[in-house]
Amino acid sequence: MKRHNSRVPACALAAVFALSPCGCGNGMLAFDDVLPWTCALGPTPPLRIENIPSRDFADRAKIYLLRGYQNDYSLGLDRLAEEMLAVNLEPTLVAWPLWEPAVQKIVSDYAGRNDGSAFMLVGHSYGADDAIRMAIYMKQFGMKVDLLFLMDATSPDPIPDNVVRCVHYYNPWLPGYLAPDIFSGNPVVPEEGNTTTDISNRQFNREALGDGVGCADHFSMDANQLMHNFVIAEALRLMPEP
């Protein structure tokens, strides 16, 4: 069940670019998926939220958004952070590849079992891989990850059992089918012996979700409004029942 974890060499990325559709603002140029006219954003309107989280919940919800390769991609996470701030959620953006100092600070700030924090790690592409690494690191200190939200992990480690729920949206494509240990587009799996984590692998494409996907793919799903709505809705599920 374990997937080999490796970084994709530059020559392999060049081959992926050659195989990928482009020209409609789908993220291949790194910045084009966040332009106002791009079809990667999709036609879905922003999520309407009736019950804005309380300040107490906002203080307890520790949300981290992890960027992907070279920080040139995953620019859609900036807008996601703005949308979350508008509803009293206060995410921290983590630049690639700085997941390790980020998680070390999380651990150093942790006050133990009575801390009361709800941890949500959100990552796109390589950032999704790094979100899993953060969860693995936190496990060493007995820390629970309430929600691991992954956008098309590239070469992910198996999900550790300190994760309560894992939601993974992935976009199947030819490179991932031919080389699943190197490229994205495949489900994530639990680590050996992990029978407790609720893992939900969901395809992110028009066939599964309809027109809201737009032209978003691996490179641009972080900018898609439907995806943003999914992330925010999952974050709100962490709120205690009234």
C-alpha atoms as a PDB file:
ATOM      1  CA  MET A   1       0.000   0.000   0.000  1.00  0.00           C
ATOM      2  CA  LYS A   2       2.959   2.352   0.518  1.00  0.00           C
ATOM      3  CA  ARG A   3       3.669   4.755  -2.296  1.00  0.00           C
ATOM      4  CA  HIS A   4       7.283   5.654  -2.987  1.00  0.00           C
ATOM      5  CA  ASN A   5       7.997   9.291  -2.211  1.00  0.00           C
ATOM      6  CA  SER A   6      10.205  11.233  -4.599  1.00  0.00           C
ATOM      7  CA  ARG A   7      10.564  14.683  -6.073  1.00  0.00           C
ATOM      8  CA  VAL A   8       9.919  15.007  -9.789  1.00  0.00           C
ATOM      9  CA  PRO A   9      13.063  15.881 -11.819  1.00  0.00           C
ATOM     10  CA  ALA A  10      12.971  18.856 -14.165  1.00  0.00           C
ATOM     11  CA  CYS A  11      13.033  16.660 -17.276  1.00  0.00           C
ATOM     12  CA  ALA A  12       9.943  14.814 -16.050  1.00  0.00           C
ATOM     13  CA  LEU A  13       8.132  18.087 -15.419  1.00  0.00           C
ATOM     14  CA  ALA A  14       8.946  19.167 -18.967  1.00  0.00           C
ATOM     15  CA  ALA A  15       7.377  15.963 -20.262  1.00  0.00           C
ATOM     16  CA  VAL A  16       4.274  16.620 -18.186  1.00  0.00           C
ATOM     17  CA  PHE A  17       3.955  20.116 -19.621  1.00  0.00           C
ATOM     18  CA  ALA A  18       4.102  18.635 -23.108  1.00  0.00           C
ATOM     19  CA  LEU A  19       1.283  16.212 -22.275  1.00  0.00           C
ATOM     20  CA  SER A  20      -0.952  18.735 -20.548  1.00  0.00           C
ATOM     21  CA  PRO A  21      -3.633  20.909 -22.126  1.00  0.00           C
ATOM     22  CA  CYS A  22      -2.957  24.610 -21.890  1.00  0.00           C
ATOM     23  CA  GLY A  23      -4.051  27.944 -23.236  1.00  0.00           C
ATOM     24  CA  CYS A  24      -7.218  28.520 -21.214  1.00  0.00           C
ATOM     25  CA  GLY A  25      -5.744  29.764 -17.961  1.00  0.00           C
ATOM     26  CA  ASN A  26      -5.490  26.328 -16.393  1.00  0.00           C
ATOM     27  CA  GLY A  27      -2.382  27.017 -14.335  1.00  0.00           C
ATOM     28  CA  MET A  28       0.358  25.787 -16.633  1.00  0.00           C
ATOM     29  CA  LEU A  29       2.036  29.214 -16.541  1.00  0.00           C
ATOM     30  CA  ALA A  30       1.821  29.252 -12.727  1.00  0.00           C
ATOM     31  CA  PHE A  31       0.064  32.631 -12.575  1.00  0.00           C
ATOM     32  CA  ASP A  32      -2.596  32.246 -15.252  1.00  0.00           C
ATOM     33  CA  ASP A  33      -5.029  30.293 -13.084  1.00  0.00           C
ATOM     34  CA  VAL A  34      -5.664  33.242 -10.759  1.00  0.00           C
ATOM     35  CA  LEU A  35      -6.457  35.849 -13.419  1.00  0.00           C
ATOM     36  CA  PRO A  36     -10.065  37.132 -13.296  1.00  0.00           C
ATOM     37  CA  TRP A  37     -11.017  35.717 -16.708  1.00  0.00           C
ATOM     38  CA  THR A  38      -9.526  32.250 -16.368  1.00  0.00           C
ATOM     39  CA  CYS A  39     -11.737  29.206 -16.802  1.00  0.00           C
ATOM     40  CA  ALA A  40      -9.861  27.474 -13.960  1.00  0.00           C
ATOM     41  CA  LEU A  41     -11.866  29.543 -11.471  1.00  0.00           C
ATOM     42  CA  GLY A  42     -15.075  27.926 -12.691  1.00  0.00           C
ATOM     43  CA  PRO A  43     -18.602  29.392 -12.603  1.00  0.00           C
ATOM     44  CA  THR A  44     -19.431  28.474  -8.991  1.00  0.00           C
ATOM     45  CA  PRO A  45     -20.228  31.453  -6.715  1.00  0.00           C
ATOM     46  CA  PRO A  46     -18.504  31.767  -3.324  1.00  0.00           C
ATOM     47  CA  LEU A  47     -19.996  29.758  -0.480  1.00  0.00           C
ATOM     48  CA  ARG A  48     -22.810  31.494   1.391  1.00  0.00           C
ATOM     49  CA  ILE A  49     -22.331  31.050   5.121  1.00  0.00           C
ATOM     50  CA  GLU A  50     -25.235  31.672   7.468  1.00  0.00           C
ATOM     51  CA  ASN A  51     -23.463  30.999  10.755  1.00  0.00           C
ATOM     52  CA  ILE A  52     -20.141  32.837  10.943  1.00  0.00           C
ATOM     53  CA  PRO A  53     -17.734  31.091  13.344  1.00  0.00           C
ATOM     54  CA  SER A  54     -17.295  32.700  16.740  1.00  0.00           C
ATOM     55  CA  ARG A  55     -14.062  34.410  17.753  1.00  0.00           C
ATOM     56  CA  ASP A  56     -13.484  31.605  20.257  1.00  0.00           C
ATOM     57  CA  PHE A  57     -13.600  28.996  17.496  1.00  0.00           C
ATOM     58  CA  ALA A  58     -11.385  31.131  15.257  1.00  0.00           C
ATOM     59  CA  ASP A  59      -8.788  31.246  18.032  1.00  0.00           C
ATOM     60  CA  ARG A  60      -8.903  27.472  18.490  1.00  0.00           C
ATOM     61  CA  ALA A  61      -8.921  26.544  14.795  1.00  0.00           C
ATOM     62  CA  LYS A  62      -5.306  26.258  13.641  1.00  0.00           C
ATOM     63  CA  ILE A  63      -5.456  26.171   9.833  1.00  0.00           C
ATOM     64  CA  TYR A  64      -2.355  25.907   7.645  1.00  0.00           C
ATOM     65  CA  LEU A  65      -2.307  26.325   3.851  1.00  0.00           C
ATOM     66  CA  LEU A  66       0.766  24.746   2.253  1.00  0.00           C
ATOM     67  CA  ARG A  67       1.957  25.911  -1.152  1.00  0.00           C
ATOM     68  CA  GLY A  68       3.297  23.680  -3.899  1.00  0.00           C
ATOM     69  CA  TYR A  69       6.398  23.672  -6.074  1.00  0.00           C
ATOM     70  CA  GLN A  70       8.680  26.736  -5.877  1.00  0.00           C
ATOM     71  CA  ASN A  71       5.771  28.906  -4.648  1.00  0.00           C
ATOM     72  CA  ASP A  72       5.146  29.803  -8.303  1.00  0.00           C
ATOM     73  CA  TYR A  73       2.128  27.515  -8.242  1.00  0.00           C
ATOM     74  CA  SER A  74      -0.633  27.317  -5.608  1.00  0.00           C
ATOM     75  CA  LEU A  75      -1.225  31.066  -5.902  1.00  0.00           C
ATOM     76  CA  GLY A  76      -4.938  30.358  -5.534  1.00  0.00           C
ATOM     77  CA  LEU A  77      -4.289  29.717  -1.845  1.00  0.00           C
ATOM     78  CA  ASP A  78      -3.860  33.478  -1.391  1.00  0.00           C
ATOM     79  CA  ARG A  79      -7.467  34.075  -2.408  1.00  0.00           C
ATOM     80  CA  LEU A  80      -8.605  31.090  -0.341  1.00  0.00           C
ATOM     81  CA  ALA A  81      -6.934  32.678   2.694  1.00  0.00           C
ATOM     82  CA  GLU A  82      -8.802  35.937   2.026  1.00  0.00           C
ATOM     83  CA  GLU A  83     -12.116  34.093   1.771  1.00  0.00           C
ATOM     84  CA  MET A  84     -11.438  32.298   5.038  1.00  0.00           C
ATOM     85  CA  LEU A  85     -10.505  35.520   6.815  1.00  0.00           C
ATOM     86  CA  ALA A  86     -13.831  36.987   5.731  1.00  0.00           C
ATOM     87  CA  VAL A  87     -15.651  34.318   7.769  1.00  0.00           C
ATOM     88  CA  ASN A  88     -13.529  34.523  10.940  1.00  0.00           C
ATOM     89  CA  LEU A  89     -11.152  31.717   9.963  1.00  0.00           C
ATOM     90  CA  GLU A  90      -7.486  32.710  10.259  1.00  0.00           C
ATOM     91  CA  PRO A  91      -5.248  30.461   8.148  1.00  0.00           C
ATOM     92  CA  THR A  92      -1.462  30.561   8.059  1.00  0.00           C
ATOM     93  CA  LEU A  93       0.164  30.358   4.618  1.00  0.00           C
ATOM     94  CA  VAL A  94       3.247  28.121   4.540  1.00  0.00           C
ATOM     95  CA  ALA A  95       5.710  28.711   1.713  1.00  0.00           C
ATOM     96  CA  TRP A  96       7.245  25.730  -0.074  1.00  0.00           C
ATOM     97  CA  PRO A  97       9.322  23.921   1.148  1.00  0.00           C
ATOM     98  CA  LEU A  98       9.187  25.380   4.674  1.00  0.00           C
ATOM     99  CA  TRP A  99       6.849  22.802   6.190  1.00  0.00           C
ATOM    100  CA  GLU A 100       9.426  21.671   8.764  1.00  0.00           C
ATOM    101  CA  PRO A 101       9.969  24.996  10.588  1.00  0.00           C
ATOM    102  CA  ALA A 102       6.204  25.523  10.423  1.00  0.00           C
ATOM    103  CA  VAL A 103       5.418  22.239  12.155  1.00  0.00           C
ATOM    104  CA  GLN A 104       8.224  22.735  14.671  1.00  0.00           C
ATOM    105  CA  LYS A 105       6.539  25.979  15.737  1.00  0.00           C
ATOM    106  CA  ILE A 106       3.185  24.182  15.946  1.00  0.00           C
ATOM    107  CA  VAL A 107       4.719  21.621  18.282  1.00  0.00           C
ATOM    108  CA  SER A 108       6.522  24.232  20.395  1.00  0.00           C
ATOM    109  CA  ASP A 109       3.279  26.206  20.840  1.00  0.00           C
ATOM    110  CA  TYR A 110       1.233  23.124  21.729  1.00  0.00           C
ATOM    111  CA  ALA A 111       0.023  23.127  25.335  1.00  0.00           C
ATOM    112  CA  GLY A 112      -0.708  19.411  25.653  1.00  0.00           C
ATOM    113  CA  ARG A 113      -3.930  17.426  25.725  1.00  0.00           C
ATOM    114  CA  ASN A 114      -5.847  20.340  27.227  1.00  0.00           C
ATOM    115  CA  ASP A 115      -4.694  22.709  24.484  1.00  0.00           C
ATOM    116  CA  GLY A 116      -8.126  22.706  22.831  1.00  0.00           C
ATOM    117  CA  SER A 117      -6.805  23.448  19.346  1.00  0.00           C
ATOM    118  CA  ALA A 118      -8.379  21.964  16.231  1.00  0.00           C
ATOM    119  CA  PHE A 119      -5.705  21.424  13.582  1.00  0.00           C
ATOM    120  CA  MET A 120      -6.491  21.546   9.865  1.00  0.00           C
ATOM    121  CA  LEU A 121      -3.710  21.101   7.305  1.00  0.00           C
ATOM    122  CA  VAL A 122      -4.480  22.027   3.691  1.00  0.00           C
ATOM    123  CA  GLY A 123      -1.986  21.386   0.907  1.00  0.00           C
ATOM    124  CA  HIS A 124      -1.828  21.537  -2.881  1.00  0.00           C
ATOM    125  CA  SER A 125       0.447  19.296  -4.997  1.00  0.00           C
ATOM    126  CA  TYR A 126       3.863  19.136  -3.264  1.00  0.00           C
ATOM    127  CA  GLY A 127       2.221  21.126  -0.482  1.00  0.00           C
ATOM    128  CA  ALA A 128      -0.198  18.218   0.000  1.00  0.00           C
ATOM    129  CA  ASP A 129       2.778  15.880   0.367  1.00  0.00           C
ATOM    130  CA  ASP A 130       4.238  18.266   2.936  1.00  0.00           C
ATOM    131  CA  ALA A 131       0.946  18.450   4.840  1.00  0.00           C
ATOM    132  CA  ILE A 132       1.176  14.689   5.335  1.00  0.00           C
ATOM    133  CA  ARG A 133       4.769  15.090   6.525  1.00  0.00           C
ATOM    134  CA  MET A 134       3.558  17.639   9.057  1.00  0.00           C
ATOM    135  CA  ALA A 135       0.948  15.185  10.331  1.00  0.00           C
ATOM    136  CA  ILE A 136       3.601  12.467  10.648  1.00  0.00           C
ATOM    137  CA  TYR A 137       5.835  14.852  12.603  1.00  0.00           C
ATOM    138  CA  MET A 138       2.975  15.846  14.907  1.00  0.00           C
ATOM    139  CA  LYS A 139       2.256  12.180  15.614  1.00  0.00           C
ATOM    140  CA  GLN A 140       5.649  11.882  17.316  1.00  0.00           C
ATOM    141  CA  PHE A 141       4.406  14.346  19.931  1.00  0.00           C
ATOM    142  CA  GLY A 142       1.007  12.763  20.451  1.00  0.00           C
ATOM    143  CA  MET A 143      -0.760  15.515  18.515  1.00  0.00           C
ATOM    144  CA  LYS A 144      -4.001  14.932  16.632  1.00  0.00           C
ATOM    145  CA  VAL A 145      -4.754  16.377  13.189  1.00  0.00           C
ATOM    146  CA  ASP A 146      -8.497  16.901  13.001  1.00  0.00           C
ATOM    147  CA  LEU A 147      -8.586  17.374   9.236  1.00  0.00           C
ATOM    148  CA  LEU A 148      -6.070  16.791   6.469  1.00  0.00           C
ATOM    149  CA  PHE A 149      -7.373  18.387   3.257  1.00  0.00           C
ATOM    150  CA  LEU A 150      -5.282  17.472   0.220  1.00  0.00           C
ATOM    151  CA  MET A 151      -5.466  18.795  -3.331  1.00  0.00           C
ATOM    152  CA  ASP A 152      -3.955  16.222  -5.691  1.00  0.00           C
ATOM    153  CA  ALA A 153      -0.954  15.029  -3.692  1.00  0.00           C
ATOM    154  CA  THR A 154       2.053  14.276  -5.914  1.00  0.00           C
ATOM    155  CA  SER A 155       4.049  11.502  -4.233  1.00  0.00           C
ATOM    156  CA  PRO A 156       2.482  11.270  -0.780  1.00  0.00           C
ATOM    157  CA  ASP A 157       3.454   9.205   2.227  1.00  0.00           C
ATOM    158  CA  PRO A 158       0.673   7.022   3.651  1.00  0.00           C
ATOM    159  CA  ILE A 159      -1.725   8.774   6.015  1.00  0.00           C
ATOM    160  CA  PRO A 160      -0.777   8.339   9.714  1.00  0.00           C
ATOM    161  CA  ASP A 161      -3.322   7.291  12.326  1.00  0.00           C
ATOM    162  CA  ASN A 162      -3.208  10.566  14.287  1.00  0.00           C
ATOM    163  CA  VAL A 163      -5.267  12.085  11.452  1.00  0.00           C
ATOM    164  CA  VAL A 164      -8.985  11.976  12.260  1.00  0.00           C
ATOM    165  CA  ARG A 165     -10.258  12.746   8.749  1.00  0.00           C
ATOM    166  CA  CYS A 166      -8.489  13.017   5.416  1.00  0.00           C
ATOM    167  CA  VAL A 167     -10.206  14.486   2.353  1.00  0.00           C
ATOM    168  CA  HIS A 168      -8.221  14.138  -0.871  1.00  0.00           C
ATOM    169  CA  TYR A 169      -9.339  15.572  -4.202  1.00  0.00           C
ATOM    170  CA  TYR A 170      -7.315  14.196  -7.094  1.00  0.00           C
ATOM    171  CA  ASN A 171      -7.343  14.596 -10.862  1.00  0.00           C
ATOM    172  CA  PRO A 172      -6.589  11.346 -12.728  1.00  0.00           C
ATOM    173  CA  TRP A 173      -4.345  11.807 -15.769  1.00  0.00           C
ATOM    174  CA  LEU A 174      -1.998   9.800 -17.968  1.00  0.00           C
ATOM    175  CA  PRO A 175       1.336  10.556 -16.204  1.00  0.00           C
ATOM    176  CA  GLY A 176      -0.159   9.493 -12.864  1.00  0.00           C
ATOM    177  CA  TYR A 177      -1.495   6.298 -14.420  1.00  0.00           C
ATOM    178  CA  LEU A 178       1.849   5.419 -16.028  1.00  0.00           C
ATOM    179  CA  ALA A 179       4.047   6.421 -13.064  1.00  0.00           C
ATOM    180  CA  PRO A 180       1.910   6.546  -9.897  1.00  0.00           C
ATOM    181  CA  ASP A 181       4.953   6.680  -7.602  1.00  0.00           C
ATOM    182  CA  ILE A 182       6.124   9.918  -9.208  1.00  0.00           C
ATOM    183  CA  PHE A 183       3.126  11.854 -10.494  1.00  0.00           C
ATOM    184  CA  SER A 184      -0.160  13.037  -9.031  1.00  0.00           C
ATOM    185  CA  GLY A 185      -3.616  11.774  -9.906  1.00  0.00           C
ATOM    186  CA  ASN A 186      -3.994   8.832  -7.541  1.00  0.00           C
ATOM    187  CA  PRO A 187      -5.777   8.127  -4.230  1.00  0.00           C
ATOM    188  CA  VAL A 188      -3.911   8.379  -0.949  1.00  0.00           C
ATOM    189  CA  VAL A 189      -3.650   5.330   1.304  1.00  0.00           C
ATOM    190  CA  PRO A 190      -3.418   4.773   5.076  1.00  0.00           C
ATOM    191  CA  GLU A 191      -0.171   3.746   6.687  1.00  0.00           C
ATOM    192  CA  GLU A 192       0.102   0.072   7.583  1.00  0.00           C
ATOM    193  CA  GLY A 193      -2.070  -0.674  10.592  1.00  0.00           C
ATOM    194  CA  ASN A 194      -4.055   2.555  10.363  1.00  0.00           C
ATOM    195  CA  THR A 195      -7.677   1.503  10.673  1.00  0.00           C
ATOM    196  CA  THR A 196      -8.944   4.663  12.352  1.00  0.00           C
ATOM    197  CA  THR A 197      -8.522   7.551   9.894  1.00  0.00           C
ATOM    198  CA  ASP A 198     -11.597   8.371   7.834  1.00  0.00           C
ATOM    199  CA  ILE A 199     -10.052   8.744   4.351  1.00  0.00           C
ATOM    200  CA  SER A 200     -12.150  10.069   1.484  1.00  0.00           C
ATOM    201  CA  ASN A 201     -10.567  10.064  -1.994  1.00  0.00           C
ATOM    202  CA  ARG A 202     -12.657  12.093  -4.442  1.00  0.00           C
ATOM    203  CA  GLN A 203     -12.036  12.795  -8.112  1.00  0.00           C
ATOM    204  CA  PHE A 204     -11.891  16.451  -9.074  1.00  0.00           C
ATOM    205  CA  ASN A 205     -13.081  16.650 -12.654  1.00  0.00           C
ATOM    206  CA  ARG A 206     -16.182  17.504 -14.653  1.00  0.00           C
ATOM    207  CA  GLU A 207     -17.259  13.882 -14.839  1.00  0.00           C
ATOM    208  CA  ALA A 208     -17.493  13.695 -11.051  1.00  0.00           C
ATOM    209  CA  LEU A 209     -18.482  17.249 -10.096  1.00  0.00           C
ATOM    210  CA  GLY A 210     -19.917  18.974 -13.155  1.00  0.00           C
ATOM    211  CA  ASP A 211     -19.267  22.382 -14.671  1.00  0.00           C
ATOM    212  CA  GLY A 212     -18.083  23.931 -11.407  1.00  0.00           C
ATOM    213  CA  VAL A 213     -14.650  22.447 -12.064  1.00  0.00           C
ATOM    214  CA  GLY A 214     -14.188  24.683 -15.111  1.00  0.00           C
ATOM    215  CA  CYS A 215     -10.877  23.803 -16.763  1.00  0.00           C
ATOM    216  CA  ALA A 216      -9.108  23.312 -13.422  1.00  0.00           C
ATOM    217  CA  ASP A 217      -6.596  20.472 -13.275  1.00  0.00           C
ATOM    218  CA  HIS A 218      -3.660  19.472 -11.079  1.00  0.00           C
ATOM    219  CA  PHE A 219      -1.927  22.799 -11.603  1.00  0.00           C
ATOM    220  CA  SER A 220      -4.916  25.028 -10.947  1.00  0.00           C
ATOM    221  CA  MET A 221      -7.450  23.315  -8.671  1.00  0.00           C
ATOM    222  CA  ASP A 222      -6.093  25.461  -5.826  1.00  0.00           C
ATOM    223  CA  ALA A 223      -7.606  28.511  -7.580  1.00  0.00           C
ATOM    224  CA  ASN A 224     -10.985  26.949  -8.348  1.00  0.00           C
ATOM    225  CA  GLN A 225     -13.946  28.467  -6.484  1.00  0.00           C
ATOM    226  CA  LEU A 226     -15.718  25.140  -6.049  1.00  0.00           C
ATOM    227  CA  MET A 227     -12.581  23.778  -4.379  1.00  0.00           C
ATOM    228  CA  HIS A 228     -12.422  26.824  -2.115  1.00  0.00           C
ATOM    229  CA  ASN A 229     -16.021  26.191  -1.104  1.00  0.00           C
ATOM    230  CA  PHE A 230     -15.146  22.575  -0.279  1.00  0.00           C
ATOM    231  CA  VAL A 231     -12.225  23.660   1.928  1.00  0.00           C
ATOM    232  CA  ILE A 232     -14.253  26.261   3.820  1.00  0.00           C
ATOM    233  CA  ALA A 233     -17.190  23.888   4.293  1.00  0.00           C
ATOM    234  CA  GLU A 234     -14.858  21.257   5.752  1.00  0.00           C
ATOM    235  CA  ALA A 235     -13.277  23.839   8.060  1.00  0.00           C
ATOM    236  CA  LEU A 236     -16.712  24.820   9.342  1.00  0.00           C
ATOM    237  CA  ARG A 237     -17.439  21.172  10.131  1.00  0.00           C
ATOM    238  CA  LEU A 238     -14.794  21.443  12.836  1.00  0.00           C
ATOM    239  CA  MET A 239     -16.998  23.894  14.749  1.00  0.00           C
ATOM    240  CA  PRO A 240     -18.669  22.407  17.822  1.00  0.00           C
ATOM    241  CA  GLU A 241     -22.400  21.850  17.623  1.00  0.00           C
ATOM    242  CA  PRO A 242     -24.430  24.774  19.090  1.00  0.00           C
END
